[in-house]
Protein backbone atom coordinates (compact mmCIF):
# COMPACT_ATOMS: atom_id res chain seq x y z
CA UNK A 1 0.00 0.00 0.00
CA UNK A 2 1.28 3.48 -0.89
CA UNK A 3 0.23 6.65 0.87
CA UNK A 4 1.04 10.31 0.22
CA UNK A 5 0.61 12.62 3.19
CA UNK A 6 1.49 16.26 3.71
CA UNK A 7 0.28 16.36 7.31
CA UNK A 8 0.32 13.32 9.59
CA UNK A 9 1.09 12.56 13.24
CA UNK A 10 0.24 16.15 14.12
CA UNK A 11 3.17 17.68 12.23
CA UNK A 12 2.84 19.61 8.95
CA UNK A 13 5.37 18.75 6.25
CA UNK A 14 6.65 20.97 3.44
CA UNK A 15 5.94 18.36 0.80
CA UNK A 16 4.15 14.99 0.65
CA UNK A 17 6.11 11.91 1.65
CA UNK A 18 5.43 8.59 -0.02
CA UNK A 19 5.03 5.74 2.43
CA UNK A 20 4.98 2.09 1.41
CA UNK A 21 3.35 -0.39 3.82
CA UNK A 22 3.88 -4.12 3.40
CA UNK A 23 3.07 -7.33 5.24
CA UNK A 24 6.03 -9.07 6.82
CA UNK A 25 5.52 -12.67 5.76
CA UNK A 26 9.07 -13.90 6.26
CA UNK A 27 11.69 -13.51 8.97
CA UNK A 28 14.61 -11.73 7.37
CA UNK A 29 17.73 -10.08 8.69
CA UNK A 30 16.23 -6.74 7.73
CA UNK A 31 13.11 -7.41 9.81
CA UNK A 32 15.11 -8.51 12.85
CA UNK A 33 17.40 -5.48 12.54
CA UNK A 34 14.37 -3.21 12.31
CA UNK A 35 12.87 -4.71 15.44
CA UNK A 36 16.16 -4.27 17.28
CA UNK A 37 16.18 -0.59 16.29
CA UNK A 38 12.47 0.25 16.68
CA UNK A 39 11.19 -1.75 19.64
CA UNK A 40 13.46 -0.04 22.20
CA UNK A 41 11.83 3.23 21.06
CA UNK A 42 8.46 1.69 21.99
CA UNK A 43 9.41 0.09 25.31
CA UNK A 44 12.64 0.36 27.27
CA UNK A 45 11.86 -2.66 29.45
CA UNK A 46 10.54 -5.28 27.03
CA UNK A 47 13.06 -7.77 25.67
CA UNK A 48 13.44 -8.27 21.94
CA UNK A 49 11.63 -11.31 20.49
CA UNK A 50 13.80 -14.20 19.40
CA UNK A 51 14.03 -15.42 15.81
CA UNK A 52 11.70 -18.29 16.74
CA UNK A 53 9.18 -15.94 18.35
CA UNK A 54 9.13 -13.67 15.30
CA UNK A 55 8.70 -16.75 13.10
CA UNK A 56 5.66 -17.80 15.12
CA UNK A 57 4.24 -14.29 14.87
CA UNK A 58 4.53 -13.85 11.11
CA UNK A 59 3.20 -17.36 10.47
CA UNK A 60 0.23 -16.97 12.81
CA UNK A 61 -3.18 -16.51 11.13
CA UNK A 62 -4.17 -14.32 14.08
CA UNK A 63 -1.44 -11.71 13.58
CA UNK A 64 -0.64 -9.41 10.66
CA UNK A 65 2.71 -7.66 11.03
CA UNK A 66 2.88 -4.50 8.91
CA UNK A 67 6.11 -2.65 8.15
CA UNK A 68 6.55 0.75 6.56
CA UNK A 69 9.19 2.36 4.38
CA UNK A 70 9.37 6.01 3.32
CA UNK A 71 12.11 7.78 1.35
CA UNK A 72 14.61 5.63 3.19
CA UNK A 73 14.89 2.07 1.88
CA UNK A 74 15.00 0.62 5.39
CA UNK A 75 11.99 -0.19 7.58
CA UNK A 76 11.02 2.94 9.52
CA UNK A 77 7.83 1.79 11.26
CA UNK A 78 5.74 -1.22 12.15
CA UNK A 79 2.65 -2.39 13.96
CA UNK A 80 0.95 -5.66 14.80
CA UNK A 81 -2.70 -6.25 13.95
CA UNK A 82 -4.33 -9.02 15.98
CA UNK A 83 -7.41 -10.61 14.41
CA UNK A 84 -9.54 -13.00 16.43
CA UNK A 85 -13.01 -14.51 16.43
CA UNK A 86 -15.17 -14.22 19.53
CA UNK A 87 -18.84 -15.20 19.98
CA UNK A 88 -19.98 -11.70 19.02
CA UNK A 89 -17.97 -11.50 15.82
CA UNK A 90 -14.51 -10.94 14.37
CA UNK A 91 -12.52 -8.35 16.29
CA UNK A 92 -9.22 -6.65 15.63
CA UNK A 93 -6.71 -4.95 17.90
CA UNK A 94 -3.78 -2.77 16.88
CA UNK A 95 -0.70 -3.26 19.04
CA UNK A 96 2.91 -2.07 19.23
CA UNK A 97 2.70 0.91 16.88
CA UNK A 98 6.17 2.39 16.53
CA UNK A 99 7.71 4.85 14.08
CA UNK A 100 11.41 5.64 13.98
CA UNK A 101 12.04 8.93 15.77
CA UNK A 102 14.00 10.17 12.74
CA UNK A 103 10.90 10.14 10.49
CA UNK A 104 8.05 10.92 12.89
CA UNK A 105 5.65 13.47 11.45
CA UNK A 106 6.19 12.31 7.86
CA UNK A 107 2.99 10.25 7.54
CA UNK A 108 4.40 6.85 8.45
CA UNK A 109 2.13 6.34 11.45
CA UNK A 110 -0.99 7.31 9.53
CA UNK A 111 -0.10 5.04 6.62
CA UNK A 112 0.41 2.09 8.98
CA UNK A 113 -2.94 2.64 10.72
CA UNK A 114 -4.81 3.05 7.42
CA UNK A 115 -3.26 -0.17 6.10
CA UNK A 116 -4.25 -1.99 9.29
CA UNK A 117 -7.84 -0.76 8.97
CA UNK A 118 -8.01 -1.96 5.37
CA UNK A 119 -6.60 -5.36 6.36
CA UNK A 120 -9.02 -5.70 9.28
CA UNK A 121 -11.98 -4.84 7.07
CA UNK A 122 -10.89 -7.37 4.45
CA UNK A 123 -10.73 -10.04 7.16
CA UNK A 124 -14.26 -9.29 8.32
CA UNK A 125 -13.57 -7.44 11.56
CA UNK A 126 -16.53 -5.60 13.09
CA UNK A 127 -14.34 -3.24 15.09
CA UNK A 128 -10.72 -2.23 15.50
CA UNK A 129 -9.44 -1.18 18.91
CA UNK A 130 -6.23 0.38 20.15
CA UNK A 131 -5.02 2.26 23.21
CA UNK A 132 -2.87 5.35 23.54
CA UNK A 133 -1.57 7.32 26.51
CA UNK A 134 -3.34 10.69 26.83
CA UNK A 135 0.06 12.41 26.94
CA UNK A 136 0.73 11.33 23.35
CA UNK A 137 -1.16 14.29 21.92
CA UNK A 138 -0.06 13.96 18.29
CA UNK A 139 -0.88 10.23 18.20
CA UNK A 140 -4.31 10.80 19.72
CA UNK A 141 -5.08 13.54 17.20
CA UNK A 142 -4.03 11.18 14.42
CA UNK A 143 -6.34 8.38 15.61
CA UNK A 144 -9.32 10.74 15.86
CA UNK A 145 -8.56 12.15 12.41
CA UNK A 146 -8.57 8.61 11.00
CA UNK A 147 -12.02 7.92 12.45
CA UNK A 148 -11.35 6.32 15.83
CA UNK A 149 -13.66 7.27 18.68
CA UNK A 150 -12.63 7.44 22.32
CA UNK A 151 -14.55 4.80 24.29
CA UNK A 152 -15.83 5.41 27.80
CA UNK A 153 -14.55 2.21 29.32
CA UNK A 154 -12.00 0.97 31.82
CA UNK A 155 -8.91 -0.79 30.49
CA UNK A 156 -7.51 -3.44 32.82
CA UNK A 157 -4.22 -5.29 32.72
CA UNK A 158 -3.14 -8.33 34.72
CA UNK A 159 0.60 -8.78 35.31
CA UNK A 160 1.89 -12.28 35.96
CA UNK A 161 4.47 -12.59 38.72
CA UNK A 162 7.16 -13.66 36.24
CA UNK A 163 6.78 -10.56 34.06
CA UNK A 164 7.62 -6.99 35.00
CA UNK A 165 5.10 -4.21 34.74
CA UNK A 166 7.28 -2.41 32.22
CA UNK A 167 6.21 0.50 30.10
CA UNK A 168 4.05 0.46 27.03
CA UNK A 169 3.81 2.47 23.86
CA UNK A 170 0.85 3.17 21.64
CA UNK A 171 -1.28 0.16 20.97
CA UNK A 172 0.41 -1.82 23.74
CA UNK A 173 -1.81 -1.04 26.66
CA UNK A 174 -0.43 2.44 26.92
CA UNK A 175 -1.90 3.25 30.33
CA UNK A 176 0.04 4.13 33.47
CA UNK A 177 0.18 1.19 35.87
CA UNK A 178 -1.77 1.67 39.09
CA UNK A 179 -4.32 4.22 37.82
CA UNK A 180 -7.63 3.61 39.67
CA UNK A 181 -10.58 2.62 37.47
CA UNK A 182 -14.19 3.51 38.11
CA UNK A 183 -15.97 0.39 39.35
CA UNK A 184 -19.26 1.80 40.56
CA UNK A 185 -18.45 0.77 44.12
CA UNK A 186 -16.90 3.22 46.59
CA UNK A 187 -13.41 2.15 47.57
CA UNK A 188 -13.39 -0.94 45.33
CA UNK A 189 -10.00 -1.75 43.82
CA UNK A 190 -8.52 -4.62 41.87
CA UNK A 191 -6.36 -7.13 43.73
CA UNK A 192 -3.19 -6.37 41.79
CA UNK A 193 -1.02 -8.51 44.06
CA UNK A 194 -3.12 -11.68 43.82
CA UNK A 195 -1.00 -14.75 43.21
CA UNK A 196 -1.52 -16.90 40.14
CA UNK A 197 -2.00 -19.98 42.35
CA UNK A 198 -5.32 -18.51 43.48
CA UNK A 199 -6.69 -18.75 39.95
CA UNK A 200 -8.22 -22.11 39.11
CA UNK A 201 -6.97 -23.63 35.82
CA UNK A 202 -9.37 -23.77 32.90
CA UNK A 203 -10.30 -27.29 31.90
CA UNK A 204 -10.61 -28.37 28.28
CA UNK A 205 -14.04 -29.64 27.33
């Protein structure tokens, strides 16, 4: 997919920038190098996926990994589109949106999101969701401009004891850990420290 944009990500450009968005269907050295360069810009605490983990991701029917190139021949942005079927229909979720800091404001983020929306629609999704920290003003303006609506809902996250809380970028939770959610009950809070052993395993039927 090609996109020309003179104003994206909240920054006006002097001239349109052509952005090419492609599906990553194979694990290449270029893809792994791009992840090593881009993912630390998204999260400083998350570890890089291994070759095997990336292979599982690009071969999964539930994940579409999109990469973007602009005037530079190298990959300058990427996102993951998760597609899944639930009883109420096919849903989609955009995760791990990241654009190289050197090209932010050139339309790469908008081109990635538009390509993800087209892919989700082609796969029959009823909705596409994502999250973004309120402090990311340019990103939030971009999402609204592309047709996303802010939902009045609480977003919850459960951290397993073996994984750190970490930080998250756009489309990866993106909310500050420990922010109280409205529950409708005065003083009610989630049991964030509950041990996994207290959760009964789900049985196959």
